[in-house]
Amino acid sequence: MHRREYVTAVGTVGALATLGTGRAQRALERGCPVDDATSVRPGEDVVFEAAATPGVDPATAEWTVEGPGAADLAGAAPFWSYTYRTGHPAAHGRFEEPGVYEVSVTVDGASLAWQVTVTDDAPSAPTVELTCEPGPDTTITPNESIEVTATAADDHGVLHWLVWQEGRNATYLERADLSGSTATVTYATTGGDAIWFIGGYPMAAWAICRDGRTRAAQTDGPSVEALRDVSITGTNTPVHAGEDLVVDAEVAVEGHSTYHGFVEATVDLIVGHDPTHVDSETVEVFAGESEPVSLEFTTATVRNTQTFPARVETRHAAAETDVTVIGTDDAAEHGHLSVTGLETNAPVTGGEFLEVTATLANTGEGPASREVELVVGHDPTTVDSRSVAVGAGETTTVTMGYDTYPVANDDEFPVRVRTGDDSASQSVLVYGRDGGDGDDEAQFAVSITGTNAPVSGGEFLAVTATVENVGGAAGSGDVELVVGHSPEVVDSRSVGLTPGETTTVRLGYDTYPVANDDTFPVSVRSTHASDTRTVTVYGTD
């Protein structure tokens, strides 16, 4: 006679009911098989479940099997999370040799047993077939629906349950009650919630009979890719014939936690009543966030004014607006907005606000409505804009600006104001925070002293840094942790130091559970300086 013991190893569920004496009172009822005896063929699977009242900690359940031959019984399998959530001890067994066996479970002194006859004359296992719509040869986005359909059949006519299980971590999803000889059950979800399909894993279902006989089946599902949405944020319309038409757009990526990381998105610009592709840009967007993109083309030199659609598209979305090109014969009627004066508050110190005031004159014979832009840097970047409307022969002023970067050293670069008709530029100076009047104020130098990288996706990434006040006065300020190729502030600390004083700060954040290894920069910065390291987060796959 063989005897084997098994103890489940899952978390706590439920609580103990107690009598007045303080002794726990436990009741076990048969959930599956529903009777105290069952029959199964050699080598086929059988499921046992004891419904515990009240629910128990499944880790306290002890399973045993006694019988004449080889038997394999594993506590809590294959529904680990099912047992955890219900508090009902469960086990999955297979008996290779014919004979009569006894399977029992004991919890807090209460026991329950089944007699299992293993014979070739027992009913065969039920059948279960799965189909998925959309199928595995399809690619969908997180918002699209998925339906997995199970068809179960039992020649003995005692279907009991159908248990859905995702195929990534064998996690229990849902249970449906069955009866009779045949049943069809559908599990509905969305691409964003089907994390097992996102990871390339199948969906599984177990058909279980009232006498414990069971069989599992699985199906692959569609590929799920992040949704690339797009919107138009502005244009420089109207433009004069032969000038560049610029369309500004914003690309947003929507996905699931599995998508945390950068997703590549291509945006196309298509113009005209007879649609023509004129420009394309590819950007990397962090899942759950958005990135700006500008597309442009040089308009044709036409005599008459034309208004036509401009459309931006990704593989999943599109946005459209009308734009106008002023013909050469109509230019005077639409005005001409010249930049006749440019003033700034430069020089400023890094981190301070740089203000630019432009004087604009409409030298045309008609009104001029324009989007006026402030563009800065040797690698031109639009940092601010204003919409203006100026009558023929009139003049106006517009003020724009932005918070300069807290550079360590002096930096000189051009600032440009452009109207679509004209532009003017001026060179400005931004003082580095390590120079100038630093002796009269607090200045915080930062230096990264260590990280706990590499870490696995989902774990806490910690960064330590020293902060020193190298200025001539006491002060306080924020020290930030910035991560990623598209920088994102994920943590900060406020520090206050006297001249020459040093402190240590610890910053960090919970990394995203990326599927693949990801290497990216992390920076610690104050308003005066920064320090950068490259770290690696291991993928969960």
Protein backbone atom coordinates (compact mmCIF):
# COMPACT_ATOMS: atom_id res chain seq x y z
CA MET A 1 0.00 0.00 0.00
CA HIS A 2 1.29 3.45 -0.94
CA ARG A 3 0.72 6.63 1.01
CA ARG A 4 1.67 10.13 -0.15
CA GLU A 5 1.11 13.47 1.54
CA TYR A 6 0.83 16.92 -0.07
CA VAL A 7 0.51 20.37 1.44
CA THR A 8 -0.67 23.38 -0.60
CA ALA A 9 1.44 26.51 -0.62
CA VAL A 10 -0.79 29.47 -1.41
CA GLY A 11 -1.97 32.55 0.47
CA THR A 12 -4.53 33.01 3.20
CA VAL A 13 -8.24 33.28 2.44
CA GLY A 14 -11.17 33.33 4.84
CA ALA A 15 -11.43 33.30 8.60
CA LEU A 16 -12.20 30.72 11.28
CA ALA A 17 -15.57 30.62 12.99
CA THR A 18 -15.21 29.85 16.71
CA LEU A 19 -17.47 28.41 19.35
CA GLY A 20 -17.92 29.95 22.77
CA THR A 21 -15.08 27.79 24.09
CA GLY A 22 -12.68 29.29 21.53
CA ARG A 23 -12.35 25.98 19.60
CA ALA A 24 -12.55 26.36 15.82
CA GLN A 25 -15.54 24.70 14.21
CA ARG A 26 -14.88 23.43 10.71
CA ALA A 27 -17.24 21.83 8.20
CA LEU A 28 -16.16 20.27 4.90
CA GLU A 29 -18.59 19.49 2.09
CA ARG A 30 -17.93 17.73 -1.19
CA GLY A 31 -17.70 20.16 -4.07
CA CYS A 32 -16.21 17.69 -6.57
CA PRO A 33 -16.72 14.80 -6.90
CA VAL A 34 -20.13 15.47 -5.41
CA ASP A 35 -20.51 11.87 -4.18
CA ASP A 36 -18.19 9.93 -1.89
CA ALA A 37 -17.17 7.48 -4.62
CA THR A 38 -16.14 7.91 -8.24
CA SER A 39 -14.56 6.00 -11.12
CA VAL A 40 -11.88 7.11 -13.54
CA ARG A 41 -9.83 5.46 -16.24
CA PRO A 42 -6.08 4.83 -15.72
CA GLY A 43 -3.96 7.82 -16.70
CA GLU A 44 -6.88 10.26 -16.92
CA ASP A 45 -7.27 13.36 -14.75
CA VAL A 46 -9.63 13.88 -11.83
CA VAL A 47 -10.31 17.04 -9.77
CA PHE A 48 -11.13 17.08 -6.05
CA GLU A 49 -12.57 20.05 -4.17
CA ALA A 50 -13.78 20.34 -0.59
CA ALA A 51 -16.07 23.29 0.10
CA ALA A 52 -14.93 24.58 3.49
CA THR A 53 -17.31 26.38 5.86
CA PRO A 54 -16.06 28.89 6.77
CA GLY A 55 -13.27 29.39 4.20
CA VAL A 56 -9.79 28.22 5.16
CA ASP A 57 -6.18 29.00 4.58
CA PRO A 58 -5.47 26.52 1.76
CA ALA A 59 -1.88 26.16 3.02
CA THR A 60 -3.25 24.25 6.04
CA ALA A 61 -4.95 21.59 3.89
CA GLU A 62 -3.25 18.19 3.91
CA TRP A 63 -4.03 15.82 1.04
CA THR A 64 -3.28 12.09 1.15
CA VAL A 65 -3.83 9.19 -1.19
CA GLU A 66 -3.75 5.49 -0.35
CA GLY A 67 -4.01 2.70 -2.87
CA PRO A 68 -2.46 -0.29 -4.56
CA GLY A 69 -0.42 1.44 -7.22
CA ALA A 70 1.15 4.62 -8.55
CA ALA A 71 -0.80 7.83 -8.06
CA ASP A 72 0.04 11.49 -8.59
CA LEU A 73 -1.92 13.99 -6.54
CA ALA A 74 -0.94 17.65 -6.25
CA GLY A 75 -2.66 19.93 -3.77
CA ALA A 76 -4.24 23.10 -5.20
CA ALA A 77 -3.28 22.20 -8.77
CA PRO A 78 -4.19 23.15 -11.38
CA PHE A 79 -6.23 26.03 -9.96
CA TRP A 80 -3.79 27.70 -7.59
CA SER A 81 -5.41 31.12 -7.62
CA TYR A 82 -8.90 29.57 -7.64
CA THR A 83 -8.10 27.80 -4.34
CA TYR A 84 -6.61 30.98 -2.95
CA ARG A 85 -9.67 33.09 -3.81
CA THR A 86 -12.34 30.67 -2.63
CA GLY A 87 -10.69 29.16 0.41
CA HIS A 88 -11.84 25.73 -0.82
CA PRO A 89 -9.04 23.12 -0.73
CA ALA A 90 -8.62 21.52 -4.16
CA ALA A 91 -6.33 18.96 -5.75
CA HIS A 92 -5.65 17.47 -9.16
CA GLY A 93 -4.80 13.80 -9.49
CA ARG A 94 -3.92 11.07 -11.93
CA PHE A 95 -3.92 7.31 -11.19
CA GLU A 96 -1.80 5.17 -13.48
CA GLU A 97 -2.69 1.70 -12.21
CA PRO A 98 -6.10 0.05 -11.78
CA GLY A 99 -7.42 -0.47 -8.26
CA VAL A 100 -9.35 1.18 -5.46
CA TYR A 101 -7.81 4.29 -3.86
CA GLU A 102 -8.78 6.59 -1.05
CA VAL A 103 -8.19 10.34 -1.39
CA SER A 104 -8.64 12.46 1.72
CA VAL A 105 -8.18 16.05 2.81
CA THR A 106 -7.75 17.30 6.37
CA VAL A 107 -8.16 20.91 7.53
CA ASP A 108 -8.04 21.98 11.19
CA GLY A 109 -8.97 18.49 12.32
CA ALA A 110 -11.91 18.11 9.91
CA SER A 111 -11.54 15.44 7.22
CA LEU A 112 -13.27 14.39 4.05
CA ALA A 113 -12.56 11.34 1.85
CA TRP A 114 -13.45 9.90 -1.55
CA GLN A 115 -13.15 6.36 -2.83
CA VAL A 116 -11.69 6.31 -6.33
CA THR A 117 -12.00 3.20 -8.47
CA VAL A 118 -9.52 3.17 -11.33
CA THR A 119 -10.77 0.88 -14.07
CA ASP A 120 -10.89 0.65 -17.85
CA ASP A 121 -14.68 0.39 -17.58
CA ALA A 122 -15.05 3.93 -16.13
CA PRO A 123 -16.56 6.69 -18.28
CA SER A 124 -14.07 8.49 -20.47
CA ALA A 125 -13.04 12.06 -19.74
CA PRO A 126 -15.26 14.86 -21.08
CA THR A 127 -14.24 16.74 -24.22
CA VAL A 128 -13.73 20.48 -24.52
CA GLU A 129 -12.88 22.56 -27.59
CA LEU A 130 -11.93 26.26 -27.63
CA THR A 131 -12.20 28.86 -30.36
CA CYS A 132 -11.12 32.51 -30.20
CA GLU A 133 -12.53 35.49 -32.09
CA PRO A 134 -10.52 37.31 -33.34
CA GLY A 135 -8.16 34.41 -33.99
CA PRO A 136 -4.41 34.05 -33.54
CA ASP A 137 -3.69 35.36 -37.05
CA THR A 138 -5.22 38.75 -36.15
CA THR A 139 -3.74 41.89 -34.59
CA ILE A 140 -5.98 44.10 -32.44
CA THR A 141 -5.65 47.11 -30.12
CA PRO A 142 -6.31 47.20 -26.34
CA ASN A 143 -9.87 48.55 -26.74
CA GLU A 144 -11.08 45.84 -29.10
CA SER A 145 -13.16 42.89 -27.90
CA ILE A 146 -12.09 39.25 -27.64
CA GLU A 147 -14.44 36.30 -27.19
CA VAL A 148 -13.21 32.79 -26.32
CA THR A 149 -15.87 30.10 -26.68
CA ALA A 150 -15.69 26.67 -25.05
CA THR A 151 -17.82 23.73 -26.18
CA ALA A 152 -17.89 20.90 -23.62
CA ALA A 153 -19.44 17.45 -23.93
CA ASP A 154 -19.74 14.39 -21.66
CA ASP A 155 -21.14 11.05 -22.84
CA HIS A 156 -22.14 10.27 -19.24
CA GLY A 157 -24.25 13.48 -19.05
CA VAL A 158 -22.89 14.89 -15.78
CA LEU A 159 -21.12 18.13 -16.74
CA HIS A 160 -20.52 20.23 -13.60
CA TRP A 161 -18.19 23.21 -14.13
CA LEU A 162 -16.13 25.00 -16.73
CA VAL A 163 -13.11 26.80 -15.26
CA TRP A 164 -11.37 29.50 -17.31
CA GLN A 165 -7.65 29.87 -16.77
CA GLU A 166 -5.20 32.27 -18.42
CA GLY A 167 -2.16 30.57 -19.87
CA ARG A 168 0.57 32.85 -18.63
CA ASN A 169 0.60 32.19 -14.89
CA ALA A 170 -2.23 29.60 -14.76
CA THR A 171 -4.38 32.24 -13.06
CA TYR A 172 -8.04 31.46 -12.40
CA LEU A 173 -10.36 33.83 -14.22
CA GLU A 174 -13.95 32.65 -13.93
CA ARG A 175 -16.10 29.55 -13.32
CA ALA A 176 -19.37 28.67 -15.07
CA ASP A 177 -21.87 26.08 -13.81
CA LEU A 178 -22.76 23.36 -16.35
CA SER A 179 -25.20 20.48 -16.54
CA GLY A 180 -26.21 17.68 -18.89
CA SER A 181 -24.28 16.29 -21.84
CA THR A 182 -23.27 19.43 -23.77
CA ALA A 183 -22.68 23.09 -23.00
CA THR A 184 -21.30 26.18 -24.70
CA VAL A 185 -19.75 28.98 -22.66
CA THR A 186 -18.18 32.26 -23.84
CA TYR A 187 -15.59 34.33 -21.98
CA ALA A 188 -15.53 37.98 -23.14
CA THR A 189 -12.70 40.43 -22.50
CA THR A 190 -10.72 43.17 -24.29
CA GLY A 191 -7.25 43.21 -25.76
CA GLY A 192 -5.95 45.44 -22.98
CA ASP A 193 -7.21 43.09 -20.26
CA ALA A 194 -6.06 39.86 -21.91
CA ILE A 195 -2.49 40.12 -20.63
CA TRP A 196 -1.81 36.49 -21.50
CA PHE A 197 -2.51 37.13 -25.19
CA ILE A 198 -0.36 40.28 -25.02
CA GLY A 199 2.47 38.12 -23.71
CA GLY A 200 1.93 35.47 -26.39
CA TYR A 201 0.37 32.88 -24.06
CA PRO A 202 -2.81 30.82 -24.65
CA MET A 203 -6.20 30.75 -22.93
CA ALA A 204 -7.17 27.49 -21.17
CA ALA A 205 -10.46 25.98 -20.01
CA TRP A 206 -11.16 22.90 -17.87
CA ALA A 207 -14.39 20.94 -18.33
CA ILE A 208 -15.16 19.18 -15.01
CA CYS A 209 -17.83 16.56 -14.40
CA ARG A 210 -19.79 15.96 -11.21
CA ASP A 211 -17.72 12.81 -10.59
CA GLY A 212 -14.44 14.74 -10.94
CA ARG A 213 -13.47 13.60 -14.42
CA THR A 214 -11.87 16.50 -16.25
CA ARG A 215 -10.12 17.54 -19.41
CA ALA A 216 -8.44 20.80 -20.42
CA ALA A 217 -8.03 22.55 -23.76
CA GLN A 218 -6.39 25.78 -24.84
CA THR A 219 -6.33 28.23 -27.71
CA ASP A 220 -4.05 31.00 -28.85
CA GLY A 221 -5.50 34.46 -29.26
CA PRO A 222 -4.82 37.54 -31.37
CA SER A 223 -1.72 39.68 -31.09
CA VAL A 224 -2.40 42.87 -29.13
CA GLU A 225 -0.48 46.02 -29.95
CA ALA A 226 -0.53 49.44 -28.33
CA LEU A 227 -3.06 51.90 -29.77
CA ARG A 228 -1.47 54.89 -31.50
CA ASP A 229 -3.90 57.79 -31.34
CA VAL A 230 -3.28 61.16 -33.00
CA SER A 231 -4.76 64.67 -32.86
CA ILE A 232 -3.95 67.94 -34.62
CA THR A 233 -2.86 70.65 -32.18
CA GLY A 234 -2.32 73.50 -34.64
CA THR A 235 -1.15 74.72 -38.03
CA ASN A 236 0.47 77.86 -39.40
CA THR A 237 -2.39 78.35 -41.89
CA PRO A 238 -2.91 80.50 -43.81
CA VAL A 239 0.43 80.52 -45.62
CA HIS A 240 1.42 82.20 -48.84
CA ALA A 241 1.87 80.13 -51.97
CA GLY A 242 5.35 78.60 -52.12
CA GLU A 243 5.87 78.73 -48.33
CA ASP A 244 6.06 75.82 -45.92
CA LEU A 245 2.78 74.65 -44.38
CA VAL A 246 3.35 73.18 -40.90
CA VAL A 247 0.88 70.86 -39.12
CA ASP A 248 1.52 70.19 -35.45
CA ALA A 249 0.13 66.97 -34.00
CA GLU A 250 0.23 64.97 -30.81
CA VAL A 251 0.63 61.20 -30.71
CA ALA A 252 -0.70 59.31 -27.69
CA VAL A 253 -0.04 55.64 -26.98
CA GLU A 254 -2.62 53.61 -25.10
CA GLY A 255 -1.74 50.13 -23.93
CA HIS A 256 -1.68 47.81 -20.94
CA SER A 257 0.86 47.54 -18.12
CA THR A 258 2.70 45.02 -20.29
CA TYR A 259 3.34 47.87 -22.73
CA HIS A 260 5.11 50.11 -20.25
CA GLY A 261 8.08 51.30 -22.24
CA PHE A 262 8.61 53.14 -25.49
CA VAL A 263 6.39 52.42 -28.49
CA GLU A 264 7.35 53.54 -31.98
CA ALA A 265 4.67 55.48 -33.83
CA THR A 266 4.78 56.72 -37.43
CA VAL A 267 2.66 59.74 -38.38
CA ASP A 268 1.86 60.60 -42.01
CA LEU A 269 0.70 63.93 -43.42
CA ILE A 270 -1.75 63.67 -46.32
CA VAL A 271 -3.11 66.79 -48.03
CA GLY A 272 -5.58 67.78 -50.71
CA HIS A 273 -8.96 66.80 -52.10
CA ASP A 274 -7.06 64.27 -54.19
CA PRO A 275 -5.14 62.93 -51.15
CA THR A 276 -1.36 63.14 -51.53
CA HIS A 277 1.21 61.89 -49.00
CA VAL A 278 3.68 64.74 -48.39
CA ASP A 279 5.54 64.01 -45.11
CA SER A 280 6.13 61.39 -42.45
CA GLU A 281 7.71 61.36 -38.99
CA THR A 282 8.44 58.52 -36.56
CA VAL A 283 8.55 59.18 -32.82
CA GLU A 284 8.99 57.03 -29.71
CA VAL A 285 6.18 57.49 -27.20
CA PHE A 286 6.13 56.14 -23.66
CA ALA A 287 3.02 54.01 -23.14
CA GLY A 288 0.25 56.01 -21.48
CA GLU A 289 1.79 59.34 -22.53
CA SER A 290 1.98 61.52 -25.63
CA GLU A 291 4.59 63.23 -27.78
CA PRO A 292 4.36 66.22 -30.15
CA VAL A 293 5.32 65.92 -33.78
CA SER A 294 5.50 68.47 -36.60
CA LEU A 295 4.99 67.68 -40.25
CA GLU A 296 5.34 70.07 -43.17
CA PHE A 297 5.56 70.49 -46.91
CA THR A 298 6.30 73.27 -49.34
CA THR A 299 3.12 74.53 -50.95
CA ALA A 300 2.79 75.01 -54.68
CA THR A 301 3.05 78.51 -56.17
CA VAL A 302 -0.59 78.98 -57.12
CA ARG A 303 -2.23 82.20 -58.33
CA ASN A 304 -5.57 81.76 -56.53
CA THR A 305 -6.23 81.08 -52.87
CA GLN A 306 -7.00 77.45 -52.07
CA THR A 307 -8.50 75.77 -49.01
CA PHE A 308 -8.09 72.01 -48.72
CA PRO A 309 -7.94 69.26 -46.05
CA ALA A 310 -4.76 68.31 -44.22
CA ARG A 311 -4.91 64.90 -42.57
CA VAL A 312 -2.53 63.21 -40.10
CA GLU A 313 -2.67 59.44 -39.73
CA THR A 314 -1.17 56.64 -37.66
CA ARG A 315 -1.90 52.98 -38.30
CA HIS A 316 -4.86 53.22 -35.89
CA ALA A 317 -6.24 56.76 -35.98
CA ALA A 318 -6.53 59.93 -38.02
CA ALA A 319 -7.35 63.63 -37.57
CA GLU A 320 -8.18 66.24 -40.19
CA THR A 321 -8.42 70.02 -40.51
CA ASP A 322 -8.75 72.56 -43.31
CA VAL A 323 -5.78 74.73 -44.30
CA THR A 324 -5.50 77.69 -46.64
CA VAL A 325 -2.78 78.68 -49.12
CA ILE A 326 -2.99 82.29 -50.25
CA GLY A 327 -2.49 82.60 -54.01
CA THR A 328 -0.03 85.09 -55.47
CA ASP A 329 -2.86 87.14 -57.00
CA ASP A 330 -4.62 87.40 -53.61
CA ALA A 331 -1.64 88.08 -51.36
CA ALA A 332 -2.39 91.77 -50.91
CA GLU A 333 -5.97 91.12 -49.85
CA HIS A 334 -4.89 88.77 -47.07
CA GLY A 335 -2.38 91.05 -45.46
CA HIS A 336 1.29 90.54 -44.73
CA LEU A 337 2.50 90.36 -41.12
CA SER A 338 6.06 91.62 -40.80
CA VAL A 339 8.25 91.51 -37.69
CA THR A 340 9.45 95.09 -37.34
CA GLY A 341 10.93 94.94 -33.82
CA LEU A 342 12.29 92.36 -31.35
CA GLU A 343 13.19 92.84 -27.67
CA THR A 344 14.15 90.38 -24.90
CA ASN A 345 14.93 90.46 -21.18
CA ALA A 346 18.26 88.69 -21.84
CA PRO A 347 20.67 88.04 -20.32
CA VAL A 348 18.95 85.77 -17.77
CA THR A 349 20.31 83.09 -15.49
CA GLY A 350 19.61 79.44 -16.35
CA GLY A 351 16.22 78.41 -14.97
CA GLU A 352 14.77 81.91 -15.19
CA PHE A 353 12.04 83.04 -17.59
CA LEU A 354 13.22 84.37 -20.96
CA GLU A 355 10.73 86.91 -22.34
CA VAL A 356 10.57 88.01 -25.97
CA THR A 357 8.42 90.89 -27.24
CA ALA A 358 7.88 91.34 -30.96
CA THR A 359 6.37 94.27 -32.84
CA LEU A 360 4.25 93.14 -35.75
CA ALA A 361 3.05 95.31 -38.65
CA ASN A 362 0.47 94.37 -41.28
CA THR A 363 1.89 95.82 -44.47
CA GLY A 364 -0.74 94.22 -46.72
CA GLU A 365 -4.06 95.55 -47.98
CA GLY A 366 -6.25 93.12 -46.03
CA PRO A 367 -6.45 91.75 -42.48
CA ALA A 368 -3.84 89.27 -41.30
CA SER A 369 -4.74 86.45 -38.88
CA ARG A 370 -1.70 84.43 -37.97
CA GLU A 371 -0.24 81.97 -35.45
CA VAL A 372 2.97 83.65 -34.26
CA GLU A 373 5.67 81.31 -32.94
CA LEU A 374 8.71 81.71 -30.68
CA VAL A 375 11.45 79.36 -31.85
CA VAL A 376 14.70 78.96 -29.92
CA GLY A 377 18.05 77.21 -30.25
CA HIS A 378 20.55 76.09 -32.85
CA ASP A 379 18.35 73.02 -33.27
CA PRO A 380 15.15 75.09 -33.62
CA THR A 381 12.38 74.24 -31.16
CA THR A 382 9.02 76.01 -30.87
CA VAL A 383 8.53 76.90 -27.19
CA ASP A 384 5.54 79.29 -27.30
CA SER A 385 2.95 80.70 -29.71
CA ARG A 386 0.18 83.29 -29.87
CA SER A 387 -2.77 83.82 -32.23
CA VAL A 388 -3.04 87.40 -33.50
CA ALA A 389 -5.33 89.32 -35.86
CA VAL A 390 -4.04 92.60 -37.25
CA GLY A 391 -5.96 94.95 -39.51
CA ALA A 392 -4.53 96.35 -42.71
CA GLY A 393 -1.97 99.06 -41.95
CA GLU A 394 -2.08 98.35 -38.18
CA THR A 395 0.64 97.39 -35.71
CA THR A 396 0.56 95.23 -32.58
CA THR A 397 2.95 93.71 -30.06
CA VAL A 398 3.03 90.15 -28.78
CA THR A 399 4.95 88.81 -25.78
CA MET A 400 6.05 85.18 -25.48
CA GLY A 401 8.58 83.27 -23.46
CA TYR A 402 9.62 80.12 -21.60
CA ASP A 403 11.55 78.87 -18.56
CA THR A 404 15.15 78.39 -19.66
CA TYR A 405 17.02 75.22 -18.76
CA PRO A 406 19.18 75.49 -15.62
CA VAL A 407 22.48 75.17 -17.51
CA ALA A 408 25.72 74.96 -15.57
CA ASN A 409 27.70 77.10 -18.05
CA ASP A 410 26.90 80.23 -20.05
CA ASP A 411 24.96 79.50 -23.25
CA GLU A 412 24.35 81.79 -26.23
CA PHE A 413 21.78 80.87 -28.87
CA PRO A 414 19.30 82.47 -31.29
CA VAL A 415 15.63 83.20 -30.60
CA ARG A 416 13.33 83.72 -33.57
CA VAL A 417 9.80 85.07 -33.96
CA ARG A 418 8.00 83.95 -37.09
CA THR A 419 4.58 84.86 -38.46
CA GLY A 420 4.36 82.73 -41.59
CA ASP A 421 4.93 85.87 -43.65
CA ASP A 422 8.15 87.04 -42.05
CA SER A 423 10.61 86.26 -39.25
CA ALA A 424 13.25 88.02 -37.19
CA SER A 425 15.92 86.63 -34.87
CA GLN A 426 18.21 87.78 -32.11
CA SER A 427 21.02 86.11 -30.18
CA VAL A 428 20.49 85.85 -26.41
CA LEU A 429 22.73 84.89 -23.49
CA VAL A 430 21.75 82.62 -20.61
CA TYR A 431 24.18 82.64 -17.69
CA GLY A 432 25.30 79.28 -16.33
CA ARG A 433 24.31 78.58 -12.72
CA ASP A 434 27.94 77.87 -11.81
CA GLY A 435 29.01 81.43 -12.67
CA GLY A 436 27.87 85.03 -12.43
CA ASP A 437 26.42 86.03 -9.05
CA GLY A 438 26.71 82.54 -7.50
CA ASP A 439 28.60 83.84 -4.47
CA ASP A 440 25.48 85.71 -3.35
CA GLU A 441 23.02 82.80 -3.49
CA ALA A 442 22.62 79.09 -2.78
CA GLN A 443 23.67 76.77 -5.58
CA PHE A 444 23.23 73.03 -5.38
CA ALA A 445 25.73 70.73 -7.06
CA VAL A 446 24.61 67.09 -7.41
CA SER A 447 26.52 63.86 -7.91
CA ILE A 448 25.06 60.35 -8.24
CA THR A 449 26.86 58.00 -5.83
CA GLY A 450 25.09 54.75 -6.68
CA THR A 451 22.06 52.81 -7.90
CA ASN A 452 20.70 49.33 -7.22
CA ALA A 453 20.55 48.60 -10.97
CA PRO A 454 20.14 46.25 -12.65
CA VAL A 455 16.67 45.43 -11.34
CA SER A 456 13.86 43.32 -12.78
CA GLY A 457 10.79 45.00 -14.28
CA GLY A 458 8.32 45.94 -11.54
CA GLU A 459 11.01 46.23 -8.85
CA PHE A 460 12.05 49.47 -7.10
CA LEU A 461 14.93 51.33 -8.73
CA ALA A 462 16.85 53.33 -6.11
CA VAL A 463 19.32 56.14 -6.85
CA THR A 464 21.47 57.86 -4.20
CA ALA A 465 23.17 61.21 -4.71
CA THR A 466 25.08 63.80 -2.74
CA VAL A 467 23.92 67.40 -2.83
CA GLU A 468 26.31 70.22 -1.92
CA ASN A 469 25.60 73.93 -1.56
CA VAL A 470 28.50 75.44 -3.52
CA GLY A 471 27.02 78.92 -3.38
CA GLY A 472 27.63 81.75 -0.99
CA ALA A 473 24.31 81.77 0.88
CA ALA A 474 22.00 79.33 2.63
CA GLY A 475 18.97 78.19 0.71
CA SER A 476 16.60 75.40 -0.18
CA GLY A 477 15.38 73.77 -3.36
CA ASP A 478 14.14 70.60 -5.00
CA VAL A 479 16.29 67.75 -6.22
CA GLU A 480 14.56 65.58 -8.87
CA LEU A 481 15.00 62.11 -10.30
CA VAL A 482 14.44 62.14 -14.06
CA VAL A 483 14.30 58.91 -16.08
CA GLY A 484 14.00 57.81 -19.69
CA HIS A 485 14.94 58.88 -23.19
CA SER A 486 11.88 61.14 -23.10
CA PRO A 487 12.67 62.58 -19.65
CA GLU A 488 10.04 62.08 -16.94
CA VAL A 489 10.28 63.29 -13.33
CA VAL A 490 9.44 60.30 -11.11
CA ASP A 491 10.58 61.46 -7.66
CA SER A 492 11.86 64.56 -5.84
CA ARG A 493 13.18 65.72 -2.48
CA SER A 494 13.38 69.19 -0.95
CA VAL A 495 16.75 70.07 0.61
CA GLY A 496 17.97 73.05 2.61
CA LEU A 497 21.70 73.63 3.05
CA THR A 498 24.10 76.25 4.38
CA PRO A 499 27.16 77.24 2.27
CA GLY A 500 29.55 74.26 1.96
CA GLU A 501 27.07 71.83 3.56
CA THR A 502 26.51 68.40 1.98
CA THR A 503 23.65 65.93 2.31
CA THR A 504 22.68 62.58 0.78
CA VAL A 505 19.31 62.00 -0.87
CA ARG A 506 17.71 58.70 -1.88
CA LEU A 507 15.30 58.79 -4.80
CA GLY A 508 13.52 56.04 -6.69
CA TYR A 509 10.39 54.60 -8.24
CA ASP A 510 8.70 51.31 -9.07
CA THR A 511 9.88 50.33 -12.55
CA TYR A 512 7.39 49.10 -15.10
CA PRO A 513 7.11 45.33 -15.73
CA VAL A 514 8.57 45.50 -19.23
CA ALA A 515 8.62 42.29 -21.27
CA ASN A 516 12.13 42.88 -22.66
CA ASP A 517 15.33 44.26 -21.13
CA ASP A 518 15.39 48.08 -21.21
CA THR A 519 18.45 50.35 -20.84
CA PHE A 520 17.89 54.07 -20.31
CA PRO A 521 19.38 57.15 -18.58
CA VAL A 522 18.54 58.32 -15.06
CA SER A 523 19.47 61.82 -13.94
CA VAL A 524 19.47 63.62 -10.61
CA ARG A 525 19.13 67.35 -11.07
CA SER A 526 18.78 70.54 -9.09
CA THR A 527 17.99 73.95 -10.54
CA HIS A 528 21.75 74.45 -10.96
CA ALA A 529 23.28 71.13 -12.04
CA SER A 530 22.62 67.51 -12.93
CA ASP A 531 24.35 64.12 -13.05
CA THR A 532 23.38 61.11 -15.20
CA ARG A 533 23.89 57.35 -15.18
CA THR A 534 22.68 54.59 -17.49
CA VAL A 535 20.72 51.74 -15.89
CA THR A 536 19.20 48.44 -17.04
CA VAL A 537 15.81 46.97 -16.12
CA TYR A 538 15.48 43.27 -16.92
CA GLY A 539 12.37 42.20 -18.85
CA THR A 540 9.87 39.87 -17.18
CA ASP A 541 10.20 37.40 -20.08
